[in-house]
Amino acid sequence: MTVLRTPWPPKLASPIEVAPLGARHASLWLVLGRSGELTLFDADGGTSSEKMTIALPEEPTREPWNGHAMTPQLHASADGRFAAIANDFGQRGLVVDLERRAVTMELDGQDEDCETVPFSLAFFDIDGACRLVHRTAWNRLDISDPATGTLLTDRGPTSSGHDLDYYHGRLEVSPDGAHVLDDGWVWHPAGIPTVWSLRRWLRENPWESEVGPSRCELAIRTHYWNHGMCWGSPRWFALAGIGDDDDTIVDGALIFELDDTGSIPMVDGRARHRAFAGPAGNLFGDGDRLFSSDPTGLSIWDIGDGARVQHVPSFCPTRHHRAARELAQITADALLRFRY
């Protein structure tokens, strides 16, 4: 297995970010350019076609918190129709329909401590339709139709007895669109990653993200959030870090598995999991493998016994194309890809 190097076409040099278009097995990516260009890039063929140009969401520059500078982040729906650009560690974003070449939503996650978390946002497919879960306040998420901006989780204000003392963070949706992971935190301060059912939220209970029975707090870790997490399949996911406080947490992975009801089993009041040492940095998962990307390179782990089965030095991917079975790293002049 080798790392493939695909040079950017001249007009795509030094992109801001890329996002996988995951509906097909081809290595198709959406690329965000420095001037707001959104371009479809076929990494296998080396060809590109510009879809539209947008004005990047603007807001006042914030003092970086804990080293996290405000940065535009690109998200794309699996079918390639919709894209979202939101300011991680910031407040604002927007959603575009690439077929209509139109902005369909302007996003505002509110400014209360927004510099402490990435912008909470993720596309997912359910019941044959594309949906968007996104932050609408520091302690509130909603689901909208990205084609129209229609709110699909209408409910009262979170101050009506269902409010959370919880700063929503980065979101990761399971491959089947059934569950969502949230890497948020509470004062004072502790990371409390949570998981709950998107299906129950849409179909049964508009308060599921606040107090629903499927909502499960996975750990309480003082001063520890904004670290690796991923889904490996619809049935398991991983969190980075072993321990309860950032002063003592060591590199490693916590593996959580859903039972046949789609819930996380509890043992002595805590979410059941197993752990193994080693993984650090960004996490990606597929099947029975966990991938970790840190400054030393890419490591591949067997989640059954925790053994590291491969290491790819100096390759540090930040994106996972699940359909194409690729991990990708952006450089100024090329897209680096590792196929597994």
C-alpha atoms as a PDB file:
ATOM      1  CA  MET A   1       0.000   0.000   0.000  1.00  0.00           C
ATOM      2  CA  THR A   2       1.408   3.358  -1.057  1.00  0.00           C
ATOM      3  CA  VAL A   3       0.427   7.005  -0.815  1.00  0.00           C
ATOM      4  CA  LEU A   4      -0.866   8.366  -4.120  1.00  0.00           C
ATOM      5  CA  ARG A   5       0.063  11.932  -5.036  1.00  0.00           C
ATOM      6  CA  THR A   6      -2.353  13.746  -7.339  1.00  0.00           C
ATOM      7  CA  PRO A   7      -1.260  17.279  -8.298  1.00  0.00           C
ATOM      8  CA  TRP A   8      -3.894  19.984  -8.112  1.00  0.00           C
ATOM      9  CA  PRO A   9      -4.854  21.582 -11.417  1.00  0.00           C
ATOM     10  CA  PRO A  10      -3.319  25.095 -11.479  1.00  0.00           C
ATOM     11  CA  LYS A  11      -6.587  26.824 -10.576  1.00  0.00           C
ATOM     12  CA  LEU A  12      -6.973  24.615  -7.458  1.00  0.00           C
ATOM     13  CA  ALA A  13      -3.524  25.229  -5.977  1.00  0.00           C
ATOM     14  CA  SER A  14      -3.387  25.871  -2.208  1.00  0.00           C
ATOM     15  CA  PRO A  15      -7.031  25.079  -1.443  1.00  0.00           C
ATOM     16  CA  ILE A  16      -8.573  25.868   1.933  1.00  0.00           C
ATOM     17  CA  GLU A  17     -10.273  22.522   2.422  1.00  0.00           C
ATOM     18  CA  VAL A  18     -11.746  19.430   0.741  1.00  0.00           C
ATOM     19  CA  ALA A  19     -14.754  17.242   1.501  1.00  0.00           C
ATOM     20  CA  PRO A  20     -15.505  13.740   0.172  1.00  0.00           C
ATOM     21  CA  LEU A  21     -18.465  13.123  -2.097  1.00  0.00           C
ATOM     22  CA  GLY A  22     -19.297   9.702  -0.806  1.00  0.00           C
ATOM     23  CA  ALA A  23     -22.229   8.355  -2.772  1.00  0.00           C
ATOM     24  CA  ARG A  24     -20.001   6.535  -5.280  1.00  0.00           C
ATOM     25  CA  HIS A  25     -16.767   4.574  -5.005  1.00  0.00           C
ATOM     26  CA  ALA A  26     -14.900   7.021  -7.245  1.00  0.00           C
ATOM     27  CA  SER A  27     -12.427   9.388  -5.593  1.00  0.00           C
ATOM     28  CA  LEU A  28     -14.556  12.525  -5.981  1.00  0.00           C
ATOM     29  CA  TRP A  29     -13.941  15.551  -3.774  1.00  0.00           C
ATOM     30  CA  LEU A  30     -15.415  18.994  -3.344  1.00  0.00           C
ATOM     31  CA  VAL A  31     -12.662  21.611  -3.041  1.00  0.00           C
ATOM     32  CA  LEU A  32     -12.957  25.040  -1.426  1.00  0.00           C
ATOM     33  CA  GLY A  33     -10.631  27.612  -2.977  1.00  0.00           C
ATOM     34  CA  ARG A  34      -9.110  30.725  -1.446  1.00  0.00           C
ATOM     35  CA  SER A  35     -11.587  33.030  -3.182  1.00  0.00           C
ATOM     36  CA  GLY A  36     -14.643  30.939  -2.340  1.00  0.00           C
ATOM     37  CA  GLU A  37     -14.622  28.724  -5.432  1.00  0.00           C
ATOM     38  CA  LEU A  38     -16.354  25.364  -4.986  1.00  0.00           C
ATOM     39  CA  THR A  39     -14.937  22.842  -7.455  1.00  0.00           C
ATOM     40  CA  LEU A  40     -15.604  19.173  -8.139  1.00  0.00           C
ATOM     41  CA  PHE A  41     -12.288  17.301  -8.326  1.00  0.00           C
ATOM     42  CA  ASP A  42     -11.870  13.777  -9.700  1.00  0.00           C
ATOM     43  CA  ALA A  43      -8.641  12.646  -8.026  1.00  0.00           C
ATOM     44  CA  ASP A  44      -8.378   9.474 -10.121  1.00  0.00           C
ATOM     45  CA  GLY A  45      -8.636  11.331 -13.396  1.00  0.00           C
ATOM     46  CA  GLY A  46      -7.045  14.590 -12.260  1.00  0.00           C
ATOM     47  CA  THR A  47      -9.915  16.605 -13.758  1.00  0.00           C
ATOM     48  CA  SER A  48     -12.000  19.362 -12.216  1.00  0.00           C
ATOM     49  CA  SER A  49     -15.107  21.426 -12.882  1.00  0.00           C
ATOM     50  CA  GLU A  50     -16.070  24.563 -10.986  1.00  0.00           C
ATOM     51  CA  LYS A  51     -19.557  24.461  -9.494  1.00  0.00           C
ATOM     52  CA  MET A  52     -19.963  27.992  -8.113  1.00  0.00           C
ATOM     53  CA  THR A  53     -18.234  30.772  -6.215  1.00  0.00           C
ATOM     54  CA  ILE A  54     -19.474  32.005  -2.856  1.00  0.00           C
ATOM     55  CA  ALA A  55     -18.651  34.762  -0.407  1.00  0.00           C
ATOM     56  CA  LEU A  56     -17.056  33.056   2.592  1.00  0.00           C
ATOM     57  CA  PRO A  57     -18.903  33.689   5.878  1.00  0.00           C
ATOM     58  CA  GLU A  58     -17.390  36.723   7.560  1.00  0.00           C
ATOM     59  CA  GLU A  59     -17.206  37.661  11.224  1.00  0.00           C
ATOM     60  CA  PRO A  60     -14.792  39.505  13.493  1.00  0.00           C
ATOM     61  CA  THR A  61     -11.472  37.768  14.072  1.00  0.00           C
ATOM     62  CA  ARG A  62     -11.287  36.193  17.512  1.00  0.00           C
ATOM     63  CA  GLU A  63      -8.307  35.597  19.721  1.00  0.00           C
ATOM     64  CA  PRO A  64      -7.464  31.910  19.192  1.00  0.00           C
ATOM     65  CA  TRP A  65      -8.587  29.818  22.154  1.00  0.00           C
ATOM     66  CA  ASN A  66      -6.177  27.103  23.245  1.00  0.00           C
ATOM     67  CA  GLY A  67      -4.417  27.393  19.897  1.00  0.00           C
ATOM     68  CA  HIS A  68      -7.607  26.993  17.824  1.00  0.00           C
ATOM     69  CA  ALA A  69      -7.840  29.812  15.273  1.00  0.00           C
ATOM     70  CA  MET A  70     -11.154  30.446  13.527  1.00  0.00           C
ATOM     71  CA  THR A  71     -11.040  28.565  10.201  1.00  0.00           C
ATOM     72  CA  PRO A  72     -13.582  27.933   7.415  1.00  0.00           C
ATOM     73  CA  GLN A  73     -14.550  24.269   7.286  1.00  0.00           C
ATOM     74  CA  LEU A  74     -16.132  22.552   4.281  1.00  0.00           C
ATOM     75  CA  HIS A  75     -18.860  19.908   4.507  1.00  0.00           C
ATOM     76  CA  ALA A  76     -20.646  18.151   1.631  1.00  0.00           C
ATOM     77  CA  SER A  77     -23.652  15.892   1.330  1.00  0.00           C
ATOM     78  CA  ALA A  78     -22.893  12.394   0.102  1.00  0.00           C
ATOM     79  CA  ASP A  79     -24.777  12.892  -3.163  1.00  0.00           C
ATOM     80  CA  GLY A  80     -22.825  16.075  -3.937  1.00  0.00           C
ATOM     81  CA  ARG A  81     -25.857  18.342  -4.158  1.00  0.00           C
ATOM     82  CA  PHE A  82     -25.302  20.413  -1.012  1.00  0.00           C
ATOM     83  CA  ALA A  83     -22.303  22.005   0.646  1.00  0.00           C
ATOM     84  CA  ALA A  84     -21.864  23.950   3.862  1.00  0.00           C
ATOM     85  CA  ILE A  85     -19.046  26.289   4.819  1.00  0.00           C
ATOM     86  CA  ALA A  86     -18.931  27.193   8.498  1.00  0.00           C
ATOM     87  CA  ASN A  87     -16.328  28.875  10.648  1.00  0.00           C
ATOM     88  CA  ASP A  88     -14.916  26.363  13.107  1.00  0.00           C
ATOM     89  CA  PHE A  89     -14.278  28.131  16.429  1.00  0.00           C
ATOM     90  CA  GLY A  90     -16.578  30.852  15.156  1.00  0.00           C
ATOM     91  CA  GLN A  91     -20.235  31.725  14.807  1.00  0.00           C
ATOM     92  CA  ARG A  92     -21.356  31.821  11.180  1.00  0.00           C
ATOM     93  CA  GLY A  93     -21.805  29.617   8.135  1.00  0.00           C
ATOM     94  CA  LEU A  94     -23.910  29.051   5.052  1.00  0.00           C
ATOM     95  CA  VAL A  95     -25.418  26.226   2.998  1.00  0.00           C
ATOM     96  CA  VAL A  96     -25.506  26.111  -0.788  1.00  0.00           C
ATOM     97  CA  ASP A  97     -27.381  24.039  -3.349  1.00  0.00           C
ATOM     98  CA  LEU A  98     -24.708  23.209  -5.933  1.00  0.00           C
ATOM     99  CA  GLU A  99     -27.273  22.183  -8.548  1.00  0.00           C
ATOM    100  CA  ARG A 100     -29.151  25.481  -8.340  1.00  0.00           C
ATOM    101  CA  ARG A 101     -25.983  27.474  -7.566  1.00  0.00           C
ATOM    102  CA  ALA A 102     -27.809  29.208  -4.748  1.00  0.00           C
ATOM    103  CA  VAL A 103     -27.398  29.880  -1.044  1.00  0.00           C
ATOM    104  CA  THR A 104     -30.248  28.138   0.782  1.00  0.00           C
ATOM    105  CA  MET A 105     -29.388  28.810   4.441  1.00  0.00           C
ATOM    106  CA  GLU A 106     -27.389  31.266   6.515  1.00  0.00           C
ATOM    107  CA  LEU A 107     -26.200  29.662   9.746  1.00  0.00           C
ATOM    108  CA  ASP A 108     -25.731  31.377  13.091  1.00  0.00           C
ATOM    109  CA  GLY A 109     -24.494  29.269  15.989  1.00  0.00           C
ATOM    110  CA  GLN A 110     -24.509  32.316  18.300  1.00  0.00           C
ATOM    111  CA  ASP A 111     -21.369  33.757  19.853  1.00  0.00           C
ATOM    112  CA  GLU A 112     -21.357  32.485  23.437  1.00  0.00           C
ATOM    113  CA  ASP A 113     -17.968  30.775  23.822  1.00  0.00           C
ATOM    114  CA  CYS A 114     -18.124  29.682  20.181  1.00  0.00           C
ATOM    115  CA  GLU A 115     -14.325  30.001  20.013  1.00  0.00           C
ATOM    116  CA  THR A 116     -14.042  26.849  22.151  1.00  0.00           C
ATOM    117  CA  VAL A 117     -15.587  24.402  19.650  1.00  0.00           C
ATOM    118  CA  PRO A 118     -15.817  23.628  15.941  1.00  0.00           C
ATOM    119  CA  PHE A 119     -19.102  24.702  14.366  1.00  0.00           C
ATOM    120  CA  SER A 120     -21.569  21.885  15.066  1.00  0.00           C
ATOM    121  CA  LEU A 121     -22.742  20.743  11.628  1.00  0.00           C
ATOM    122  CA  ALA A 122     -23.221  17.516   9.669  1.00  0.00           C
ATOM    123  CA  PHE A 123     -25.187  16.288   6.667  1.00  0.00           C
ATOM    124  CA  PHE A 124     -26.918  12.926   6.825  1.00  0.00           C
ATOM    125  CA  ASP A 125     -29.407  10.882   4.806  1.00  0.00           C
ATOM    126  CA  ILE A 126     -32.594   9.487   6.292  1.00  0.00           C
ATOM    127  CA  ASP A 127     -35.795   8.181   4.698  1.00  0.00           C
ATOM    128  CA  GLY A 128     -34.295   8.885   1.275  1.00  0.00           C
ATOM    129  CA  ALA A 129     -33.737  12.589   1.981  1.00  0.00           C
ATOM    130  CA  CYS A 130     -30.695  14.704   2.842  1.00  0.00           C
ATOM    131  CA  ARG A 131     -30.866  16.533   6.160  1.00  0.00           C
ATOM    132  CA  LEU A 132     -28.590  18.922   8.055  1.00  0.00           C
ATOM    133  CA  VAL A 133     -28.026  18.955  11.821  1.00  0.00           C
ATOM    134  CA  HIS A 134     -26.521  22.236  12.983  1.00  0.00           C
ATOM    135  CA  ARG A 135     -26.008  24.466  16.015  1.00  0.00           C
ATOM    136  CA  THR A 136     -28.522  27.303  16.468  1.00  0.00           C
ATOM    137  CA  ALA A 137     -27.358  28.337  19.953  1.00  0.00           C
ATOM    138  CA  TRP A 138     -24.492  27.364  22.232  1.00  0.00           C
ATOM    139  CA  ASN A 139     -26.734  24.748  23.892  1.00  0.00           C
ATOM    140  CA  ARG A 140     -29.141  23.889  21.069  1.00  0.00           C
ATOM    141  CA  LEU A 141     -29.015  21.875  17.860  1.00  0.00           C
ATOM    142  CA  ASP A 142     -31.654  21.669  15.140  1.00  0.00           C
ATOM    143  CA  ILE A 143     -32.280  19.682  11.971  1.00  0.00           C
ATOM    144  CA  SER A 144     -33.177  21.478   8.743  1.00  0.00           C
ATOM    145  CA  ASP A 145     -33.917  20.637   5.115  1.00  0.00           C
ATOM    146  CA  PRO A 146     -30.838  21.995   3.285  1.00  0.00           C
ATOM    147  CA  ALA A 147     -32.833  22.486   0.063  1.00  0.00           C
ATOM    148  CA  THR A 148     -35.217  25.013   1.601  1.00  0.00           C
ATOM    149  CA  GLY A 149     -33.927  25.844   5.085  1.00  0.00           C
ATOM    150  CA  THR A 150     -37.156  24.499   6.585  1.00  0.00           C
ATOM    151  CA  LEU A 151     -36.790  23.692  10.295  1.00  0.00           C
ATOM    152  CA  LEU A 152     -37.674  20.055  11.020  1.00  0.00           C
ATOM    153  CA  THR A 153     -37.202  19.995  14.812  1.00  0.00           C
ATOM    154  CA  ASP A 154     -39.529  22.806  15.827  1.00  0.00           C
ATOM    155  CA  ARG A 155     -39.971  23.005  19.598  1.00  0.00           C
ATOM    156  CA  GLY A 156     -40.117  25.600  22.322  1.00  0.00           C
ATOM    157  CA  PRO A 157     -37.138  27.550  23.623  1.00  0.00           C
ATOM    158  CA  THR A 158     -34.562  25.526  25.524  1.00  0.00           C
ATOM    159  CA  SER A 159     -35.357  27.606  28.616  1.00  0.00           C
ATOM    160  CA  SER A 160     -38.711  25.842  28.916  1.00  0.00           C
ATOM    161  CA  GLY A 161     -37.415  23.098  31.206  1.00  0.00           C
ATOM    162  CA  HIS A 162     -35.381  21.214  28.611  1.00  0.00           C
ATOM    163  CA  ASP A 163     -32.337  23.477  28.529  1.00  0.00           C
ATOM    164  CA  LEU A 164     -28.836  22.031  28.610  1.00  0.00           C
ATOM    165  CA  ASP A 165     -25.758  23.436  30.307  1.00  0.00           C
ATOM    166  CA  TYR A 166     -23.864  22.047  27.341  1.00  0.00           C
ATOM    167  CA  TYR A 167     -21.738  23.681  24.652  1.00  0.00           C
ATOM    168  CA  HIS A 168     -22.304  21.618  21.518  1.00  0.00           C
ATOM    169  CA  GLY A 169     -19.115  20.750  19.633  1.00  0.00           C
ATOM    170  CA  ARG A 170     -18.006  18.782  16.618  1.00  0.00           C
ATOM    171  CA  LEU A 171     -20.582  16.339  15.243  1.00  0.00           C
ATOM    172  CA  GLU A 172     -20.056  12.957  13.592  1.00  0.00           C
ATOM    173  CA  VAL A 173     -23.017  11.042  12.092  1.00  0.00           C
ATOM    174  CA  SER A 174     -23.024   7.250  11.866  1.00  0.00           C
ATOM    175  CA  PRO A 175     -22.669   5.772   8.348  1.00  0.00           C
ATOM    176  CA  ASP A 176     -26.353   4.782   8.302  1.00  0.00           C
ATOM    177  CA  GLY A 177     -27.555   8.216   9.441  1.00  0.00           C
ATOM    178  CA  ALA A 178     -29.136   6.763  12.571  1.00  0.00           C
ATOM    179  CA  HIS A 179     -27.026   8.312  15.370  1.00  0.00           C
ATOM    180  CA  VAL A 180     -24.885  11.361  16.010  1.00  0.00           C
ATOM    181  CA  LEU A 181     -21.824  11.892  18.212  1.00  0.00           C
ATOM    182  CA  ASP A 182     -21.339  15.295  19.835  1.00  0.00           C
ATOM    183  CA  ASP A 183     -17.967  16.349  21.286  1.00  0.00           C
ATOM    184  CA  GLY A 184     -19.299  19.078  23.580  1.00  0.00           C
ATOM    185  CA  TRP A 185     -18.403  20.365  27.021  1.00  0.00           C
ATOM    186  CA  VAL A 186     -19.925  21.712  30.225  1.00  0.00           C
ATOM    187  CA  TRP A 187     -18.728  24.200  32.791  1.00  0.00           C
ATOM    188  CA  HIS A 188     -16.343  24.008  34.583  1.00  0.00           C
ATOM    189  CA  PRO A 189     -14.944  22.867  32.119  1.00  0.00           C
ATOM    190  CA  ALA A 190     -15.233  19.184  31.244  1.00  0.00           C
ATOM    191  CA  GLY A 191     -15.684  17.437  27.938  1.00  0.00           C
ATOM    192  CA  ILE A 192     -18.748  15.185  27.894  1.00  0.00           C
ATOM    193  CA  PRO A 193     -19.064  13.432  24.526  1.00  0.00           C
ATOM    194  CA  THR A 194     -22.627  12.264  23.904  1.00  0.00           C
ATOM    195  CA  VAL A 195     -24.521  10.123  21.418  1.00  0.00           C
ATOM    196  CA  TRP A 196     -28.227   9.904  20.566  1.00  0.00           C
ATOM    197  CA  SER A 197     -30.655   8.726  17.894  1.00  0.00           C
ATOM    198  CA  LEU A 198     -31.317  11.017  14.942  1.00  0.00           C
ATOM    199  CA  ARG A 199     -34.207   8.810  13.899  1.00  0.00           C
ATOM    200  CA  ARG A 200     -35.976   9.216  17.241  1.00  0.00           C
ATOM    201  CA  TRP A 201     -35.297  12.951  17.134  1.00  0.00           C
ATOM    202  CA  LEU A 202     -36.942  13.358  13.722  1.00  0.00           C
ATOM    203  CA  ARG A 203     -39.718  10.800  14.004  1.00  0.00           C
ATOM    204  CA  GLU A 204     -40.745  10.732  17.652  1.00  0.00           C
ATOM    205  CA  ASN A 205     -39.370  13.349  20.014  1.00  0.00           C
ATOM    206  CA  PRO A 206     -38.302  16.915  19.101  1.00  0.00           C
ATOM    207  CA  TRP A 207     -36.540  17.144  22.505  1.00  0.00           C
ATOM    208  CA  GLU A 208     -34.413  14.023  21.896  1.00  0.00           C
ATOM    209  CA  SER A 209     -31.161  16.015  21.638  1.00  0.00           C
ATOM    210  CA  GLU A 210     -31.777  17.537  25.078  1.00  0.00           C
ATOM    211  CA  VAL A 211     -33.505  14.955  27.266  1.00  0.00           C
ATOM    212  CA  GLY A 212     -34.428  12.014  25.039  1.00  0.00           C
ATOM    213  CA  PRO A 213     -34.058   8.436  26.268  1.00  0.00           C
ATOM    214  CA  SER A 214     -31.537   7.632  23.552  1.00  0.00           C
ATOM    215  CA  ARG A 215     -29.168  10.429  24.668  1.00  0.00           C
ATOM    216  CA  CYS A 216     -26.157   8.896  26.420  1.00  0.00           C
ATOM    217  CA  GLU A 217     -23.229  10.685  28.069  1.00  0.00           C
ATOM    218  CA  LEU A 218     -20.141   8.646  27.280  1.00  0.00           C
ATOM    219  CA  ALA A 219     -17.480  10.092  29.598  1.00  0.00           C
ATOM    220  CA  ILE A 220     -16.603  13.095  31.767  1.00  0.00           C
ATOM    221  CA  ARG A 221     -13.064  14.357  31.103  1.00  0.00           C
ATOM    222  CA  THR A 222     -11.800  17.529  32.734  1.00  0.00           C
ATOM    223  CA  HIS A 223     -10.375  20.094  30.286  1.00  0.00           C
ATOM    224  CA  TYR A 224     -10.528  17.525  27.471  1.00  0.00           C
ATOM    225  CA  TRP A 225     -12.504  17.932  24.252  1.00  0.00           C
ATOM    226  CA  ASN A 226     -11.740  18.771  20.583  1.00  0.00           C
ATOM    227  CA  HIS A 227      -9.918  15.485  20.187  1.00  0.00           C
ATOM    228  CA  GLY A 228     -10.312  12.559  17.798  1.00  0.00           C
ATOM    229  CA  MET A 229     -13.565  10.671  17.381  1.00  0.00           C
ATOM    230  CA  CYS A 230     -15.097   8.648  14.566  1.00  0.00           C
ATOM    231  CA  TRP A 231     -17.636   6.034  13.546  1.00  0.00           C
ATOM    232  CA  GLY A 232     -16.202   2.742  12.324  1.00  0.00           C
ATOM    233  CA  SER A 233     -19.562   1.277  11.313  1.00  0.00           C
ATOM    234  CA  PRO A 234     -23.225   1.828  12.240  1.00  0.00           C
ATOM    235  CA  ARG A 235     -22.539  -0.303  15.334  1.00  0.00           C
ATOM    236  CA  TRP A 236     -19.309   1.064  16.818  1.00  0.00           C
ATOM    237  CA  PHE A 237     -17.424   4.325  17.313  1.00  0.00           C
ATOM    238  CA  ALA A 238     -14.202   5.474  18.935  1.00  0.00           C
ATOM    239  CA  LEU A 239     -13.073   8.357  21.138  1.00  0.00           C
ATOM    240  CA  ALA A 240      -9.453   9.401  21.600  1.00  0.00           C
ATOM    241  CA  GLY A 241      -7.808   9.488  25.028  1.00  0.00           C
ATOM    242  CA  ILE A 242      -7.772   7.148  28.023  1.00  0.00           C
ATOM    243  CA  GLY A 243      -8.378   8.790  31.405  1.00  0.00           C
ATOM    244  CA  ASP A 244     -10.525  11.421  33.117  1.00  0.00           C
ATOM    245  CA  ASP A 245      -8.342  14.547  33.209  1.00  0.00           C
ATOM    246  CA  ASP A 246      -6.142  16.127  30.554  1.00  0.00           C
ATOM    247  CA  ASP A 247      -3.202  16.085  32.987  1.00  0.00           C
ATOM    248  CA  THR A 248      -3.307  12.293  33.119  1.00  0.00           C
ATOM    249  CA  ILE A 249      -5.016  11.206  29.899  1.00  0.00           C
ATOM    250  CA  VAL A 250      -2.782   8.998  27.732  1.00  0.00           C
ATOM    251  CA  ASP A 251      -2.909   8.279  24.014  1.00  0.00           C
ATOM    252  CA  GLY A 252      -5.359   5.536  23.223  1.00  0.00           C
ATOM    253  CA  ALA A 253      -8.854   4.750  22.000  1.00  0.00           C
ATOM    254  CA  LEU A 254     -12.148   4.021  23.739  1.00  0.00           C
ATOM    255  CA  ILE A 255     -14.347   1.710  21.664  1.00  0.00           C
ATOM    256  CA  PHE A 256     -18.128   1.852  22.200  1.00  0.00           C
ATOM    257  CA  GLU A 257     -20.556  -0.621  20.667  1.00  0.00           C
ATOM    258  CA  LEU A 258     -24.316  -0.227  20.238  1.00  0.00           C
ATOM    259  CA  ASP A 259     -26.493  -3.161  21.216  1.00  0.00           C
ATOM    260  CA  ASP A 260     -29.334  -4.626  19.135  1.00  0.00           C
ATOM    261  CA  THR A 261     -31.669  -1.835  20.269  1.00  0.00           C
ATOM    262  CA  GLY A 262     -29.268   0.859  19.089  1.00  0.00           C
ATOM    263  CA  SER A 263     -28.313   1.821  22.646  1.00  0.00           C
ATOM    264  CA  ILE A 264     -25.034   1.913  24.566  1.00  0.00           C
ATOM    265  CA  PRO A 265     -25.107  -0.643  27.416  1.00  0.00           C
ATOM    266  CA  MET A 266     -24.403   0.795  30.861  1.00  0.00           C
ATOM    267  CA  VAL A 267     -22.202  -0.798  33.528  1.00  0.00           C
ATOM    268  CA  ASP A 268     -22.226   0.676  37.052  1.00  0.00           C
ATOM    269  CA  GLY A 269     -23.739   3.873  35.714  1.00  0.00           C
ATOM    270  CA  ARG A 270     -21.133   4.359  32.961  1.00  0.00           C
ATOM    271  CA  ALA A 271     -21.281   3.688  29.239  1.00  0.00           C
ATOM    272  CA  ARG A 272     -19.700   0.323  28.541  1.00  0.00           C
ATOM    273  CA  HIS A 273     -16.546   0.432  26.443  1.00  0.00           C
ATOM    274  CA  ARG A 274     -13.152  -1.163  25.997  1.00  0.00           C
ATOM    275  CA  ALA A 275      -9.846   0.602  25.554  1.00  0.00           C
ATOM    276  CA  PHE A 276      -6.400   0.116  24.099  1.00  0.00           C
ATOM    277  CA  ALA A 277      -3.357   2.371  24.178  1.00  0.00           C
ATOM    278  CA  GLY A 278      -1.609   3.949  21.213  1.00  0.00           C
ATOM    279  CA  PRO A 279      -3.924   5.859  18.838  1.00  0.00           C
ATOM    280  CA  ALA A 280      -3.430   9.640  18.858  1.00  0.00           C
ATOM    281  CA  GLY A 281      -4.557  12.614  16.806  1.00  0.00           C
ATOM    282  CA  ASN A 282      -7.351  12.395  14.252  1.00  0.00           C
ATOM    283  CA  LEU A 283      -9.346   9.159  14.194  1.00  0.00           C
ATOM    284  CA  PHE A 284     -11.091   7.403  11.307  1.00  0.00           C
ATOM    285  CA  GLY A 285     -12.748   3.998  11.307  1.00  0.00           C
ATOM    286  CA  ASP A 286     -13.962   1.402   8.828  1.00  0.00           C
ATOM    287  CA  GLY A 287     -15.030  -2.167   9.499  1.00  0.00           C
ATOM    288  CA  ASP A 288     -12.717  -3.700  12.096  1.00  0.00           C
ATOM    289  CA  ARG A 289      -9.954  -1.119  11.648  1.00  0.00           C
ATOM    290  CA  LEU A 290      -9.205   2.143  13.385  1.00  0.00           C
ATOM    291  CA  PHE A 291      -6.944   4.701  11.724  1.00  0.00           C
ATOM    292  CA  SER A 292      -5.097   7.377  13.687  1.00  0.00           C
ATOM    293  CA  SER A 293      -3.243  10.338  12.203  1.00  0.00           C
ATOM    294  CA  ASP A 294      -0.682  12.251  14.259  1.00  0.00           C
ATOM    295  CA  PRO A 295       2.539  14.157  13.397  1.00  0.00           C
ATOM    296  CA  THR A 296       4.464  10.876  13.032  1.00  0.00           C
ATOM    297  CA  GLY A 297       2.141   9.595  10.315  1.00  0.00           C
ATOM    298  CA  LEU A 298      -0.789   7.231   9.854  1.00  0.00           C
ATOM    299  CA  SER A 299      -1.277   4.165  12.063  1.00  0.00           C
ATOM    300  CA  ILE A 300      -3.753   1.338  11.446  1.00  0.00           C
ATOM    301  CA  TRP A 301      -5.113  -0.619  14.405  1.00  0.00           C
ATOM    302  CA  ASP A 302      -7.101  -3.816  14.802  1.00  0.00           C
ATOM    303  CA  ILE A 303      -9.991  -2.924  17.122  1.00  0.00           C
ATOM    304  CA  GLY A 304     -10.309  -6.538  18.247  1.00  0.00           C
ATOM    305  CA  ASP A 305      -6.953  -6.844  20.001  1.00  0.00           C
ATOM    306  CA  GLY A 306      -5.672  -3.250  19.815  1.00  0.00           C
ATOM    307  CA  ALA A 307      -2.600  -4.220  17.793  1.00  0.00           C
ATOM    308  CA  ARG A 308      -1.048  -1.740  15.398  1.00  0.00           C
ATOM    309  CA  VAL A 309      -0.911  -3.578  12.088  1.00  0.00           C
ATOM    310  CA  GLN A 310       0.610  -0.892   9.860  1.00  0.00           C
ATOM    311  CA  HIS A 311       2.309   2.502  10.019  1.00  0.00           C
ATOM    312  CA  VAL A 312       2.687   4.969   7.130  1.00  0.00           C
ATOM    313  CA  PRO A 313       5.291   7.539   8.199  1.00  0.00           C
ATOM    314  CA  SER A 314       4.963  11.248   7.349  1.00  0.00           C
ATOM    315  CA  PHE A 315       1.430  10.855   5.952  1.00  0.00           C
ATOM    316  CA  CYS A 316      -1.028  12.823   8.093  1.00  0.00           C
ATOM    317  CA  PRO A 317      -4.556  12.653   6.651  1.00  0.00           C
ATOM    318  CA  THR A 318      -7.390  14.885   7.802  1.00  0.00           C
ATOM    319  CA  ARG A 319     -10.197  13.526   5.601  1.00  0.00           C
ATOM    320  CA  HIS A 320     -11.808  10.102   5.132  1.00  0.00           C
ATOM    321  CA  HIS A 321     -13.570   9.110   1.898  1.00  0.00           C
ATOM    322  CA  ARG A 322     -15.498   6.111   3.163  1.00  0.00           C
ATOM    323  CA  ALA A 323     -17.026   5.138  -0.199  1.00  0.00           C
ATOM    324  CA  ALA A 324     -13.680   5.287  -2.036  1.00  0.00           C
ATOM    325  CA  ARG A 325     -11.875   3.685   0.939  1.00  0.00           C
ATOM    326  CA  GLU A 326      -9.318   6.484   1.066  1.00  0.00           C
ATOM    327  CA  LEU A 327      -7.694   8.766   3.609  1.00  0.00           C
ATOM    328  CA  ALA A 328      -6.481  12.110   2.313  1.00  0.00           C
ATOM    329  CA  GLN A 329      -4.019  14.852   3.237  1.00  0.00           C
ATOM    330  CA  ILE A 330      -4.101  18.317   1.668  1.00  0.00           C
ATOM    331  CA  THR A 331      -0.871  19.985   0.577  1.00  0.00           C
ATOM    332  CA  ALA A 332      -0.409  23.207  -1.367  1.00  0.00           C
ATOM    333  CA  ASP A 333       0.348  21.446  -4.646  1.00  0.00           C
ATOM    334  CA  ALA A 334      -1.273  18.011  -4.387  1.00  0.00           C
ATOM    335  CA  LEU A 335      -3.860  15.787  -2.751  1.00  0.00           C
ATOM    336  CA  LEU A 336      -2.192  12.832  -1.016  1.00  0.00           C
ATOM    337  CA  ARG A 337      -4.317   9.691  -0.776  1.00  0.00           C
ATOM    338  CA  PHE A 338      -3.918   6.335   0.936  1.00  0.00           C
ATOM    339  CA  ARG A 339      -6.206   3.512  -0.224  1.00  0.00           C
ATOM    340  CA  TYR A 340      -6.916   0.639   2.102  1.00  0.00           C
END
